[in-house]
Each structure stands twice: as structure tokens, then as C-alpha cells.
N, C-alpha and C. Protein backbone atom coordinates (compact mmCIF):
# COMPACT_ATOMS: atom_id res chain seq x y z
N MET A 1 22.55 10.84 1.02
CA MET A 1 21.28 10.33 1.52
C MET A 1 21.46 8.86 1.88
N SER A 2 20.95 8.44 3.04
CA SER A 2 21.14 7.07 3.50
C SER A 2 20.25 6.11 2.72
N ASP A 3 20.63 4.82 2.75
CA ASP A 3 19.83 3.79 2.09
C ASP A 3 18.43 3.74 2.66
N LEU A 4 18.32 3.88 4.00
CA LEU A 4 17.01 3.82 4.64
C LEU A 4 16.12 4.95 4.13
N HIS A 5 16.68 6.15 4.04
CA HIS A 5 15.88 7.29 3.58
C HIS A 5 15.42 7.08 2.14
N GLN A 6 16.26 6.48 1.31
CA GLN A 6 15.89 6.23 -0.08
C GLN A 6 14.80 5.17 -0.17
N GLN A 7 14.64 4.36 0.87
CA GLN A 7 13.64 3.31 0.85
C GLN A 7 12.31 3.75 1.43
N LEU A 8 12.19 4.99 1.84
CA LEU A 8 10.94 5.51 2.39
C LEU A 8 10.30 6.47 1.40
N GLU A 9 8.97 6.38 1.32
CA GLU A 9 8.23 7.25 0.41
C GLU A 9 7.16 7.99 1.19
N SER A 10 6.87 9.19 0.78
CA SER A 10 5.77 9.93 1.38
C SER A 10 4.45 9.37 0.83
N PRO A 11 3.36 9.60 1.55
CA PRO A 11 2.07 9.18 1.01
C PRO A 11 1.80 9.76 -0.38
N ARG A 12 2.21 10.99 -0.61
CA ARG A 12 2.01 11.62 -1.92
C ARG A 12 2.79 10.88 -3.01
N GLN A 13 4.04 10.51 -2.71
CA GLN A 13 4.84 9.77 -3.69
C GLN A 13 4.21 8.42 -4.03
N VAL A 14 3.70 7.74 -3.01
CA VAL A 14 3.05 6.44 -3.24
C VAL A 14 1.80 6.63 -4.08
N ALA A 15 1.00 7.62 -3.74
CA ALA A 15 -0.24 7.87 -4.48
C ALA A 15 0.06 8.20 -5.95
N GLU A 16 1.05 9.03 -6.18
CA GLU A 16 1.40 9.40 -7.56
C GLU A 16 1.93 8.19 -8.33
N ARG A 17 2.74 7.38 -7.67
CA ARG A 17 3.31 6.21 -8.33
C ARG A 17 2.24 5.22 -8.77
N LEU A 18 1.20 5.08 -7.93
CA LEU A 18 0.15 4.10 -8.23
C LEU A 18 -1.05 4.71 -8.95
N GLY A 19 -1.08 6.02 -9.06
CA GLY A 19 -2.22 6.67 -9.69
C GLY A 19 -3.46 6.65 -8.80
N TRP A 20 -3.24 6.61 -7.50
CA TRP A 20 -4.33 6.59 -6.53
C TRP A 20 -4.54 7.99 -5.97
N PRO A 21 -5.74 8.27 -5.46
CA PRO A 21 -5.94 9.53 -4.74
C PRO A 21 -5.12 9.52 -3.45
N LEU A 22 -4.55 10.65 -3.10
CA LEU A 22 -3.78 10.77 -1.87
C LEU A 22 -4.63 10.40 -0.66
N ALA A 23 -5.90 10.77 -0.69
CA ALA A 23 -6.80 10.48 0.44
C ALA A 23 -6.90 8.98 0.69
N ARG A 24 -6.83 8.16 -0.34
CA ARG A 24 -6.92 6.70 -0.16
C ARG A 24 -5.70 6.18 0.59
N VAL A 25 -4.52 6.68 0.24
CA VAL A 25 -3.30 6.25 0.93
C VAL A 25 -3.34 6.72 2.39
N ARG A 26 -3.76 7.95 2.61
CA ARG A 26 -3.85 8.47 3.97
C ARG A 26 -4.86 7.68 4.81
N LYS A 27 -5.96 7.27 4.19
CA LYS A 27 -6.97 6.49 4.90
C LYS A 27 -6.39 5.15 5.36
N LEU A 28 -5.61 4.50 4.51
CA LEU A 28 -4.97 3.23 4.89
C LEU A 28 -4.00 3.42 6.05
N ILE A 29 -3.29 4.55 6.05
CA ILE A 29 -2.37 4.85 7.15
C ILE A 29 -3.15 5.07 8.44
N ARG A 30 -4.20 5.90 8.37
CA ARG A 30 -5.01 6.18 9.57
C ARG A 30 -5.61 4.91 10.16
N ALA A 31 -6.04 4.01 9.28
CA ALA A 31 -6.66 2.76 9.73
C ALA A 31 -5.62 1.71 10.13
N LYS A 32 -4.35 2.08 10.01
CA LYS A 32 -3.24 1.17 10.33
C LYS A 32 -3.34 -0.14 9.55
N GLN A 33 -3.70 -0.02 8.29
CA GLN A 33 -3.82 -1.18 7.42
C GLN A 33 -2.60 -1.36 6.54
N ILE A 34 -1.67 -0.42 6.63
CA ILE A 34 -0.47 -0.47 5.80
C ILE A 34 0.74 -0.11 6.66
N ARG A 35 1.86 -0.78 6.40
CA ARG A 35 3.08 -0.49 7.17
C ARG A 35 3.51 0.95 6.93
N HIS A 36 3.88 1.63 8.00
CA HIS A 36 4.37 3.01 7.89
C HIS A 36 5.13 3.36 9.16
N VAL A 37 5.87 4.43 9.07
CA VAL A 37 6.55 5.00 10.23
C VAL A 37 6.14 6.45 10.34
N LYS A 38 6.12 6.94 11.57
CA LYS A 38 5.81 8.35 11.81
C LYS A 38 7.04 8.98 12.43
N VAL A 39 7.60 9.95 11.74
CA VAL A 39 8.78 10.67 12.21
C VAL A 39 8.32 12.10 12.47
N GLY A 40 8.24 12.45 13.76
CA GLY A 40 7.65 13.75 14.08
C GLY A 40 6.20 13.71 13.65
N GLY A 41 5.80 14.60 12.80
CA GLY A 41 4.43 14.61 12.29
C GLY A 41 4.34 14.11 10.87
N ILE A 42 5.42 13.50 10.38
CA ILE A 42 5.46 13.07 8.98
C ILE A 42 5.33 11.55 8.90
N TYR A 43 4.41 11.10 8.06
CA TYR A 43 4.25 9.67 7.82
C TYR A 43 5.06 9.28 6.59
N LEU A 44 5.77 8.16 6.70
CA LEU A 44 6.55 7.63 5.59
C LEU A 44 6.25 6.15 5.45
N LEU A 45 6.25 5.67 4.22
CA LEU A 45 5.97 4.27 3.95
C LEU A 45 7.21 3.60 3.39
N PRO A 46 7.58 2.45 3.93
CA PRO A 46 8.70 1.71 3.35
C PRO A 46 8.33 1.30 1.93
N GLN A 47 9.30 1.35 1.01
CA GLN A 47 9.01 0.92 -0.34
C GLN A 47 8.51 -0.51 -0.31
N GLY A 48 7.47 -0.78 -1.04
CA GLY A 48 6.89 -2.11 -1.09
C GLY A 48 5.75 -2.32 -0.11
N ALA A 49 5.51 -1.37 0.79
CA ALA A 49 4.45 -1.54 1.78
C ALA A 49 3.08 -1.64 1.12
N LEU A 50 2.84 -0.81 0.12
CA LEU A 50 1.53 -0.86 -0.53
C LEU A 50 1.38 -2.13 -1.35
N GLU A 51 2.46 -2.57 -1.96
CA GLU A 51 2.41 -3.82 -2.71
C GLU A 51 2.10 -4.99 -1.77
N GLU A 52 2.68 -4.97 -0.56
CA GLU A 52 2.39 -5.99 0.44
C GLU A 52 0.91 -5.96 0.82
N TYR A 53 0.38 -4.76 1.01
CA TYR A 53 -1.03 -4.61 1.36
C TYR A 53 -1.91 -5.19 0.26
N LEU A 54 -1.59 -4.86 -0.99
CA LEU A 54 -2.40 -5.35 -2.10
C LEU A 54 -2.34 -6.88 -2.20
N GLU A 55 -1.15 -7.43 -2.03
CA GLU A 55 -1.01 -8.88 -2.10
C GLU A 55 -1.79 -9.57 -0.99
N ALA A 56 -1.73 -9.01 0.21
CA ALA A 56 -2.42 -9.61 1.35
C ALA A 56 -3.94 -9.48 1.24
N ASN A 57 -4.42 -8.51 0.47
CA ASN A 57 -5.86 -8.26 0.39
C ASN A 57 -6.45 -8.60 -0.97
N THR A 58 -5.68 -9.27 -1.80
CA THR A 58 -6.19 -9.67 -3.11
C THR A 58 -7.12 -10.87 -2.94
N VAL A 59 -8.28 -10.77 -3.56
CA VAL A 59 -9.26 -11.85 -3.53
C VAL A 59 -9.18 -12.57 -4.87
N GLU A 60 -8.88 -13.84 -4.82
CA GLU A 60 -8.81 -14.63 -6.04
C GLU A 60 -10.22 -15.06 -6.44
N PRO A 61 -10.51 -15.09 -7.73
CA PRO A 61 -11.84 -15.50 -8.17
C PRO A 61 -12.06 -16.98 -7.90
N LEU A 62 -13.32 -17.31 -7.67
CA LEU A 62 -13.67 -18.72 -7.49
C LEU A 62 -13.56 -19.44 -8.83
N PRO A 63 -13.17 -20.70 -8.80
CA PRO A 63 -13.11 -21.44 -10.07
C PRO A 63 -14.51 -21.66 -10.61
N LYS A 64 -14.62 -21.66 -11.92
CA LYS A 64 -15.92 -21.90 -12.54
C LYS A 64 -16.31 -23.36 -12.28
N PRO A 65 -17.59 -23.58 -11.95
CA PRO A 65 -18.01 -24.96 -11.73
C PRO A 65 -17.96 -25.74 -13.05
N ALA A 66 -17.60 -27.00 -12.93
CA ALA A 66 -17.56 -27.84 -14.12
C ALA A 66 -18.99 -28.07 -14.60
N SER A 67 -19.16 -27.94 -15.90
CA SER A 67 -20.51 -28.15 -16.43
C SER A 67 -20.79 -29.64 -16.50
N GLY A 68 -21.82 -30.01 -15.84
CA GLY A 68 -22.20 -31.43 -15.82
C GLY A 68 -23.31 -31.68 -16.82
N GLY A 69 -23.02 -32.45 -17.79
CA GLY A 69 -24.12 -32.62 -18.72
C GLY A 69 -23.84 -33.55 -19.76
């Protein structure tokens, strides 16, 4: 098996690894919000694509205002 093939995951593999519903991963693919490749009719995600998506879409909390008093 080639290195490239070992670096690609099916949507099902990604969903199982993260404990997410498969439909959520497929929705991100359909919306083109996550890196993927389509080979024939099969969608594959490069390893780390979902982690990149999460990092890019993480919202950091606002700092608490200093109490003035």
C-alpha cells in the first residue's frame, strides 16, 4: 500500500475516529468546508484535514473584563 493511500481516510473512518456522526462529516464534504479528494465516486480525506478544519473554526473565548472597583 502506498504512503499516499495510507494517508487518506474514508468519511466513515474519520467519523469513527472522532466519535462524530457520519452525516456530519459528509455534510462538511458536501459544503466543501473540509479538504477532500474525490476518486471516482468515493470521497477521501487526507489525514489531518478535520483537525485543520477544527483549528481554523475554533472560537476562542473573550477575556473576562477586569473588575473595576
